[in-house]
N, C-alpha and C. Protein backbone atom coordinates (compact mmCIF):
# COMPACT_ATOMS: atom_id res chain seq x y z
N MET A 1 -34.06 -6.93 34.51
CA MET A 1 -33.81 -7.53 33.21
C MET A 1 -33.57 -6.43 32.18
N THR A 2 -32.66 -6.69 31.27
CA THR A 2 -32.34 -5.74 30.21
C THR A 2 -33.47 -5.69 29.19
N MET A 3 -33.78 -4.49 28.77
CA MET A 3 -34.81 -4.33 27.73
C MET A 3 -34.29 -4.94 26.43
N PRO A 4 -35.17 -5.60 25.68
CA PRO A 4 -34.71 -6.16 24.42
C PRO A 4 -34.39 -5.07 23.40
N HIS A 5 -33.44 -5.37 22.55
CA HIS A 5 -33.02 -4.44 21.49
C HIS A 5 -33.60 -4.92 20.17
N ARG A 6 -33.98 -3.98 19.34
CA ARG A 6 -34.49 -4.34 18.00
C ARG A 6 -33.37 -5.04 17.23
N ALA A 7 -33.69 -6.19 16.65
CA ALA A 7 -32.71 -6.95 15.87
C ALA A 7 -32.08 -6.07 14.79
N PHE A 8 -30.78 -6.20 14.63
CA PHE A 8 -30.00 -5.48 13.61
C PHE A 8 -30.04 -3.96 13.80
N SER A 9 -30.16 -3.52 15.04
CA SER A 9 -30.06 -2.10 15.37
C SER A 9 -28.68 -1.84 15.96
N PRO A 10 -28.25 -0.58 16.04
CA PRO A 10 -26.95 -0.29 16.68
C PRO A 10 -26.89 -0.80 18.12
N GLU A 11 -27.98 -0.69 18.86
CA GLU A 11 -28.00 -1.15 20.26
C GLU A 11 -27.87 -2.68 20.32
N TRP A 12 -28.52 -3.36 19.39
CA TRP A 12 -28.44 -4.82 19.33
C TRP A 12 -27.02 -5.24 18.99
N ALA A 13 -26.40 -4.55 18.02
CA ALA A 13 -25.02 -4.87 17.64
C ALA A 13 -24.07 -4.69 18.82
N ALA A 14 -24.25 -3.61 19.58
CA ALA A 14 -23.39 -3.37 20.75
C ALA A 14 -23.60 -4.46 21.80
N ALA A 15 -24.84 -4.85 22.03
CA ALA A 15 -25.12 -5.91 23.00
C ALA A 15 -24.57 -7.25 22.52
N PHE A 16 -24.61 -7.49 21.22
CA PHE A 16 -24.06 -8.72 20.64
C PHE A 16 -22.55 -8.75 20.89
N ARG A 17 -21.87 -7.62 20.65
CA ARG A 17 -20.42 -7.54 20.90
C ARG A 17 -20.11 -7.84 22.36
N GLU A 18 -20.89 -7.26 23.26
CA GLU A 18 -20.68 -7.50 24.70
C GLU A 18 -20.90 -8.97 25.04
N ALA A 19 -21.92 -9.59 24.44
CA ALA A 19 -22.18 -11.01 24.69
C ALA A 19 -21.03 -11.88 24.19
N ILE A 20 -20.47 -11.53 23.04
CA ILE A 20 -19.33 -12.28 22.50
C ILE A 20 -18.13 -12.13 23.43
N GLU A 21 -17.85 -10.90 23.84
CA GLU A 21 -16.70 -10.63 24.70
C GLU A 21 -16.81 -11.34 26.05
N ALA A 22 -18.03 -11.53 26.53
CA ALA A 22 -18.25 -12.13 27.86
C ALA A 22 -18.30 -13.65 27.83
N ASP A 23 -18.22 -14.25 26.65
CA ASP A 23 -18.45 -15.69 26.51
C ASP A 23 -17.15 -16.49 26.38
N ALA A 24 -16.79 -17.19 27.45
CA ALA A 24 -15.55 -17.99 27.45
C ALA A 24 -15.64 -19.14 26.45
N SER A 25 -16.82 -19.70 26.26
CA SER A 25 -16.98 -20.80 25.30
C SER A 25 -16.68 -20.32 23.89
N TYR A 26 -17.16 -19.12 23.56
CA TYR A 26 -16.85 -18.57 22.24
C TYR A 26 -15.35 -18.35 22.10
N ARG A 27 -14.74 -17.77 23.13
CA ARG A 27 -13.30 -17.49 23.08
C ARG A 27 -12.52 -18.76 22.79
N ASP A 28 -12.89 -19.86 23.43
CA ASP A 28 -12.20 -21.14 23.20
C ASP A 28 -12.47 -21.66 21.79
N ALA A 29 -13.73 -21.66 21.38
CA ALA A 29 -14.11 -22.22 20.08
C ALA A 29 -13.53 -21.42 18.92
N ALA A 30 -13.36 -20.11 19.11
CA ALA A 30 -12.92 -19.24 18.02
C ALA A 30 -11.46 -18.82 18.13
N ALA A 31 -10.68 -19.57 18.88
CA ALA A 31 -9.28 -19.21 19.11
C ALA A 31 -8.47 -19.09 17.82
N LYS A 32 -8.88 -19.77 16.77
CA LYS A 32 -8.14 -19.72 15.50
C LYS A 32 -8.86 -18.91 14.41
N TRP A 33 -10.00 -18.32 14.75
CA TRP A 33 -10.74 -17.50 13.78
C TRP A 33 -10.18 -16.08 13.82
N THR A 34 -9.78 -15.53 12.66
CA THR A 34 -9.13 -14.21 12.65
C THR A 34 -9.73 -13.22 11.65
N TRP A 35 -10.95 -13.47 11.18
CA TRP A 35 -11.52 -12.64 10.12
C TRP A 35 -12.81 -11.94 10.56
N PRO A 36 -13.01 -10.72 10.08
CA PRO A 36 -14.29 -10.07 10.30
C PRO A 36 -15.41 -10.83 9.56
N VAL A 37 -16.61 -10.71 10.09
CA VAL A 37 -17.79 -11.36 9.52
C VAL A 37 -18.91 -10.33 9.49
N ALA A 38 -19.67 -10.35 8.41
CA ALA A 38 -20.86 -9.50 8.33
C ALA A 38 -22.09 -10.38 8.19
N LEU A 39 -23.09 -10.07 8.98
CA LEU A 39 -24.39 -10.73 8.91
C LEU A 39 -25.34 -9.73 8.26
N VAL A 40 -25.84 -10.07 7.09
CA VAL A 40 -26.66 -9.13 6.32
C VAL A 40 -28.12 -9.58 6.35
N LEU A 41 -28.95 -8.67 6.80
CA LEU A 41 -30.40 -8.87 6.78
C LEU A 41 -30.93 -8.26 5.49
N GLN A 42 -31.57 -9.07 4.68
CA GLN A 42 -32.15 -8.55 3.45
C GLN A 42 -33.24 -7.54 3.78
N ALA A 43 -33.48 -6.63 2.85
CA ALA A 43 -34.52 -5.61 3.05
C ALA A 43 -35.84 -6.28 3.39
N THR A 44 -36.48 -5.77 4.42
CA THR A 44 -37.78 -6.27 4.87
C THR A 44 -38.62 -5.06 5.27
N PRO A 45 -39.13 -4.32 4.27
CA PRO A 45 -39.83 -3.07 4.56
C PRO A 45 -41.01 -3.25 5.51
N GLU A 46 -41.69 -4.37 5.44
CA GLU A 46 -42.86 -4.57 6.30
C GLU A 46 -42.51 -4.61 7.79
N TYR A 47 -41.24 -4.84 8.12
CA TYR A 47 -40.80 -4.85 9.52
C TYR A 47 -39.86 -3.69 9.84
N GLY A 48 -39.83 -2.69 8.96
CA GLY A 48 -39.04 -1.50 9.24
C GLY A 48 -37.60 -1.56 8.78
N TYR A 49 -37.29 -2.48 7.88
CA TYR A 49 -35.94 -2.56 7.30
C TYR A 49 -36.08 -2.30 5.80
N PRO A 50 -36.17 -1.00 5.40
CA PRO A 50 -36.42 -0.68 3.99
C PRO A 50 -35.27 -1.09 3.07
N ASP A 51 -34.07 -1.18 3.62
CA ASP A 51 -32.89 -1.57 2.85
C ASP A 51 -32.18 -2.69 3.61
N ALA A 52 -31.33 -3.42 2.88
CA ALA A 52 -30.52 -4.43 3.55
C ALA A 52 -29.66 -3.74 4.61
N VAL A 53 -29.48 -4.41 5.74
CA VAL A 53 -28.67 -3.86 6.82
C VAL A 53 -27.73 -4.96 7.31
N ALA A 54 -26.51 -4.57 7.65
CA ALA A 54 -25.50 -5.54 8.08
C ALA A 54 -24.99 -5.21 9.47
N VAL A 55 -24.69 -6.27 10.21
CA VAL A 55 -23.91 -6.15 11.44
C VAL A 55 -22.54 -6.71 11.09
N GLU A 56 -21.55 -5.83 11.08
CA GLU A 56 -20.19 -6.27 10.76
C GLU A 56 -19.42 -6.42 12.07
N LEU A 57 -18.95 -7.64 12.29
CA LEU A 57 -18.24 -7.98 13.53
C LEU A 57 -16.76 -8.10 13.25
N THR A 58 -15.95 -7.38 14.01
CA THR A 58 -14.51 -7.51 13.92
C THR A 58 -14.09 -8.58 14.92
N LEU A 59 -13.85 -9.78 14.40
CA LEU A 59 -13.54 -10.94 15.23
C LEU A 59 -12.08 -11.33 15.06
N ASP A 60 -11.43 -11.66 16.17
CA ASP A 60 -10.03 -12.06 16.10
C ASP A 60 -9.69 -12.94 17.30
N ARG A 61 -9.48 -14.22 17.03
CA ARG A 61 -9.04 -15.19 18.05
C ARG A 61 -9.91 -15.17 19.31
N GLY A 62 -11.22 -15.24 19.10
CA GLY A 62 -12.14 -15.32 20.23
C GLY A 62 -12.55 -14.00 20.83
N ARG A 63 -12.14 -12.92 20.23
CA ARG A 63 -12.51 -11.59 20.72
C ARG A 63 -13.33 -10.88 19.65
N CYS A 64 -14.14 -9.93 20.09
CA CYS A 64 -14.89 -9.07 19.17
C CYS A 64 -14.58 -7.63 19.57
N THR A 65 -13.77 -6.97 18.75
CA THR A 65 -13.35 -5.62 19.09
C THR A 65 -14.31 -4.55 18.59
N ASN A 66 -15.20 -4.92 17.64
CA ASN A 66 -16.15 -3.94 17.14
C ASN A 66 -17.35 -4.65 16.53
N ALA A 67 -18.50 -4.04 16.67
CA ALA A 67 -19.72 -4.51 16.02
C ALA A 67 -20.43 -3.28 15.51
N ALA A 68 -20.49 -3.14 14.20
CA ALA A 68 -21.05 -1.92 13.61
C ALA A 68 -22.18 -2.24 12.65
N ILE A 69 -23.17 -1.36 12.63
CA ILE A 69 -24.25 -1.46 11.65
C ILE A 69 -23.77 -0.74 10.39
N ARG A 70 -23.93 -1.42 9.26
CA ARG A 70 -23.49 -0.86 7.99
C ARG A 70 -24.56 -1.11 6.92
N THR A 71 -24.49 -0.32 5.86
CA THR A 71 -25.28 -0.65 4.69
C THR A 71 -24.59 -1.84 4.03
N ARG A 72 -25.30 -2.55 3.19
CA ARG A 72 -24.71 -3.70 2.51
C ARG A 72 -23.50 -3.27 1.70
N ASP A 73 -23.59 -2.13 1.03
CA ASP A 73 -22.49 -1.66 0.19
C ASP A 73 -21.26 -1.25 0.97
N ALA A 74 -21.41 -0.94 2.26
CA ALA A 74 -20.28 -0.50 3.08
C ALA A 74 -19.55 -1.66 3.75
N VAL A 75 -20.05 -2.87 3.62
CA VAL A 75 -19.42 -4.03 4.26
C VAL A 75 -18.07 -4.32 3.62
N THR A 76 -17.07 -4.53 4.46
CA THR A 76 -15.73 -4.87 3.97
C THR A 76 -15.25 -6.24 4.46
N ALA A 77 -16.03 -6.90 5.29
CA ALA A 77 -15.62 -8.20 5.85
C ALA A 77 -15.43 -9.23 4.73
N PRO A 78 -14.44 -10.11 4.89
CA PRO A 78 -14.22 -11.15 3.87
C PRO A 78 -15.28 -12.27 3.91
N PHE A 79 -15.99 -12.37 5.03
CA PHE A 79 -17.05 -13.37 5.15
C PHE A 79 -18.36 -12.64 5.35
N VAL A 80 -19.31 -12.88 4.45
CA VAL A 80 -20.60 -12.21 4.48
C VAL A 80 -21.69 -13.27 4.38
N LEU A 81 -22.56 -13.28 5.37
CA LEU A 81 -23.69 -14.20 5.38
C LEU A 81 -24.96 -13.36 5.22
N THR A 82 -25.75 -13.67 4.20
CA THR A 82 -26.93 -12.89 3.87
C THR A 82 -28.16 -13.78 3.91
N ALA A 83 -29.20 -13.29 4.58
CA ALA A 83 -30.43 -14.08 4.69
C ALA A 83 -31.62 -13.17 4.90
N PRO A 84 -32.82 -13.70 4.62
CA PRO A 84 -34.03 -12.95 4.91
C PRO A 84 -34.34 -12.92 6.40
N TYR A 85 -35.24 -12.06 6.76
CA TYR A 85 -35.63 -11.84 8.16
C TYR A 85 -35.94 -13.14 8.90
N ALA A 86 -36.82 -13.98 8.34
CA ALA A 86 -37.26 -15.19 9.05
C ALA A 86 -36.10 -16.13 9.34
N ILE A 87 -35.12 -16.16 8.45
CA ILE A 87 -33.96 -17.05 8.66
C ILE A 87 -33.09 -16.50 9.79
N TRP A 88 -32.80 -15.19 9.79
CA TRP A 88 -31.99 -14.63 10.88
C TRP A 88 -32.71 -14.78 12.22
N LYS A 89 -34.00 -14.62 12.21
CA LYS A 89 -34.76 -14.80 13.45
C LYS A 89 -34.57 -16.22 13.97
N ALA A 90 -34.64 -17.20 13.08
CA ALA A 90 -34.44 -18.61 13.48
C ALA A 90 -33.01 -18.84 13.98
N VAL A 91 -32.03 -18.19 13.36
CA VAL A 91 -30.63 -18.34 13.80
C VAL A 91 -30.44 -17.74 15.18
N VAL A 92 -30.93 -16.51 15.37
CA VAL A 92 -30.77 -15.82 16.66
C VAL A 92 -31.46 -16.60 17.78
N ARG A 93 -32.57 -17.22 17.47
CA ARG A 93 -33.29 -18.02 18.47
C ARG A 93 -32.72 -19.41 18.69
N GLY A 94 -31.71 -19.79 17.91
CA GLY A 94 -31.13 -21.11 18.06
C GLY A 94 -31.91 -22.21 17.38
N GLU A 95 -32.84 -21.84 16.50
CA GLU A 95 -33.67 -22.83 15.80
C GLU A 95 -33.02 -23.31 14.51
N LEU A 96 -32.00 -22.58 14.03
CA LEU A 96 -31.31 -22.95 12.79
C LEU A 96 -29.82 -22.70 12.97
N ASP A 97 -29.03 -23.74 12.75
CA ASP A 97 -27.58 -23.61 12.75
C ASP A 97 -27.20 -22.85 11.47
N PRO A 98 -26.35 -21.83 11.59
CA PRO A 98 -26.04 -21.03 10.39
C PRO A 98 -25.37 -21.83 9.28
N LEU A 99 -24.52 -22.78 9.62
CA LEU A 99 -23.86 -23.56 8.58
C LEU A 99 -24.83 -24.51 7.90
N VAL A 100 -25.81 -25.01 8.64
CA VAL A 100 -26.87 -25.80 8.02
C VAL A 100 -27.66 -24.89 7.06
N GLY A 101 -27.91 -23.67 7.50
CA GLY A 101 -28.59 -22.70 6.64
C GLY A 101 -27.82 -22.44 5.36
N VAL A 102 -26.48 -22.36 5.46
CA VAL A 102 -25.64 -22.14 4.28
C VAL A 102 -25.71 -23.36 3.36
N THR A 103 -25.54 -24.55 3.93
CA THR A 103 -25.51 -25.75 3.09
C THR A 103 -26.86 -26.04 2.45
N ARG A 104 -27.94 -25.58 3.08
CA ARG A 104 -29.28 -25.79 2.51
C ARG A 104 -29.74 -24.63 1.63
N GLY A 105 -28.87 -23.64 1.44
CA GLY A 105 -29.20 -22.53 0.56
C GLY A 105 -30.13 -21.48 1.18
N LYS A 106 -30.33 -21.54 2.49
CA LYS A 106 -31.18 -20.55 3.15
C LYS A 106 -30.40 -19.28 3.49
N ILE A 107 -29.08 -19.43 3.63
CA ILE A 107 -28.19 -18.30 3.92
C ILE A 107 -27.14 -18.27 2.81
N ALA A 108 -27.02 -17.13 2.14
CA ALA A 108 -26.01 -16.97 1.10
C ALA A 108 -24.68 -16.61 1.77
N ALA A 109 -23.62 -17.28 1.37
CA ALA A 109 -22.30 -17.04 1.97
C ALA A 109 -21.32 -16.54 0.93
N GLN A 110 -20.61 -15.47 1.29
CA GLN A 110 -19.49 -14.98 0.49
C GLN A 110 -18.25 -15.22 1.32
N GLY A 111 -17.18 -15.65 0.68
CA GLY A 111 -15.96 -16.00 1.40
C GLY A 111 -15.72 -17.49 1.23
N SER A 112 -14.65 -17.97 1.76
CA SER A 112 -14.28 -19.37 1.61
C SER A 112 -15.21 -20.29 2.40
N LEU A 113 -15.99 -21.08 1.68
CA LEU A 113 -16.88 -22.03 2.33
C LEU A 113 -16.08 -23.08 3.10
N ALA A 114 -14.94 -23.46 2.55
CA ALA A 114 -14.08 -24.44 3.23
C ALA A 114 -13.61 -23.89 4.59
N THR A 115 -13.25 -22.62 4.62
CA THR A 115 -12.82 -22.00 5.88
C THR A 115 -13.98 -21.95 6.87
N LEU A 116 -15.16 -21.58 6.38
CA LEU A 116 -16.33 -21.54 7.26
C LEU A 116 -16.59 -22.93 7.86
N MET A 117 -16.55 -23.96 7.05
CA MET A 117 -16.82 -25.31 7.53
C MET A 117 -15.75 -25.78 8.51
N LEU A 118 -14.52 -25.38 8.25
CA LEU A 118 -13.42 -25.74 9.15
C LEU A 118 -13.63 -25.13 10.54
N HIS A 119 -14.33 -24.01 10.59
CA HIS A 119 -14.56 -23.29 11.84
C HIS A 119 -16.02 -23.38 12.28
N ALA A 120 -16.63 -24.51 12.04
CA ALA A 120 -18.06 -24.70 12.36
C ALA A 120 -18.35 -24.47 13.84
N LYS A 121 -17.45 -24.91 14.72
CA LYS A 121 -17.67 -24.73 16.16
C LYS A 121 -17.64 -23.25 16.53
N SER A 122 -16.80 -22.50 15.87
CA SER A 122 -16.73 -21.06 16.10
C SER A 122 -18.04 -20.41 15.69
N ALA A 123 -18.58 -20.79 14.54
CA ALA A 123 -19.85 -20.22 14.06
C ALA A 123 -20.99 -20.57 15.01
N ALA A 124 -21.01 -21.81 15.48
CA ALA A 124 -22.06 -22.23 16.42
C ALA A 124 -21.96 -21.45 17.72
N ALA A 125 -20.74 -21.24 18.20
CA ALA A 125 -20.54 -20.49 19.45
C ALA A 125 -20.93 -19.03 19.27
N LEU A 126 -20.68 -18.47 18.08
CA LEU A 126 -21.06 -17.09 17.80
C LEU A 126 -22.59 -16.95 17.86
N CYS A 127 -23.28 -17.92 17.29
CA CYS A 127 -24.75 -17.89 17.32
C CYS A 127 -25.28 -18.08 18.74
N ALA A 128 -24.58 -18.86 19.54
CA ALA A 128 -24.99 -19.02 20.94
C ALA A 128 -24.89 -17.67 21.65
N CYS A 129 -23.89 -16.86 21.31
CA CYS A 129 -23.77 -15.52 21.88
C CYS A 129 -24.97 -14.66 21.49
N ALA A 130 -25.42 -14.79 20.25
CA ALA A 130 -26.58 -14.01 19.79
C ALA A 130 -27.82 -14.35 20.61
N ARG A 131 -27.94 -15.61 21.00
CA ARG A 131 -29.09 -16.02 21.81
C ARG A 131 -29.08 -15.37 23.19
N ASN A 132 -27.91 -14.90 23.63
CA ASN A 132 -27.79 -14.24 24.93
C ASN A 132 -28.16 -12.76 24.89
N VAL A 133 -28.45 -12.25 23.72
CA VAL A 133 -28.82 -10.85 23.55
C VAL A 133 -30.35 -10.75 23.59
N PRO A 134 -30.90 -9.96 24.53
CA PRO A 134 -32.35 -9.76 24.52
C PRO A 134 -32.75 -9.06 23.22
N THR A 135 -33.51 -9.78 22.39
CA THR A 135 -33.80 -9.30 21.04
C THR A 135 -35.30 -9.11 20.85
N ALA A 136 -35.65 -7.94 20.31
CA ALA A 136 -37.04 -7.64 19.96
C ALA A 136 -37.17 -7.82 18.44
N PHE A 137 -38.11 -8.67 18.06
CA PHE A 137 -38.38 -8.87 16.64
C PHE A 137 -39.63 -8.08 16.28
N PRO A 138 -39.55 -7.21 15.26
CA PRO A 138 -40.66 -6.31 14.94
C PRO A 138 -41.96 -7.02 14.58
N ASP A 139 -41.92 -8.26 14.13
CA ASP A 139 -43.17 -8.95 13.79
C ASP A 139 -43.87 -9.48 15.04
N GLU A 140 -43.26 -9.24 16.20
CA GLU A 140 -43.85 -9.69 17.46
C GLU A 140 -44.30 -8.54 18.34
N ASP A 141 -44.17 -7.32 17.82
CA ASP A 141 -44.57 -6.13 18.62
C ASP A 141 -46.03 -6.13 18.92
């Protein structure tokens, strides 16, 4: 079994990209999605995230060509989803649909909300890929 990667680490981002690339369901669901997306974890110093950290995914028609860890200020993706630690943990575990999180105000979204909603199946499939990544959450160490 693969060792779990610390959430929002470079190793986790690389494993997330590999999970996306290996997932035929995501490829089908995201066939019309052509924009990079950044998932931003708000600063959580108590768990070792002194500053906000982002995983920026280069997504294009069901493929992920890059997954990079960036500072919040370095993010260039047109779609940015920002949430606190507990919310991202729930998303990665499949306990919270990201679009439900956006509509309930738990996840802040930058970019066209209409476009995000139009591609709800793509977002759900992307989160399913995250569940396939062995993830270590620092509050469970």
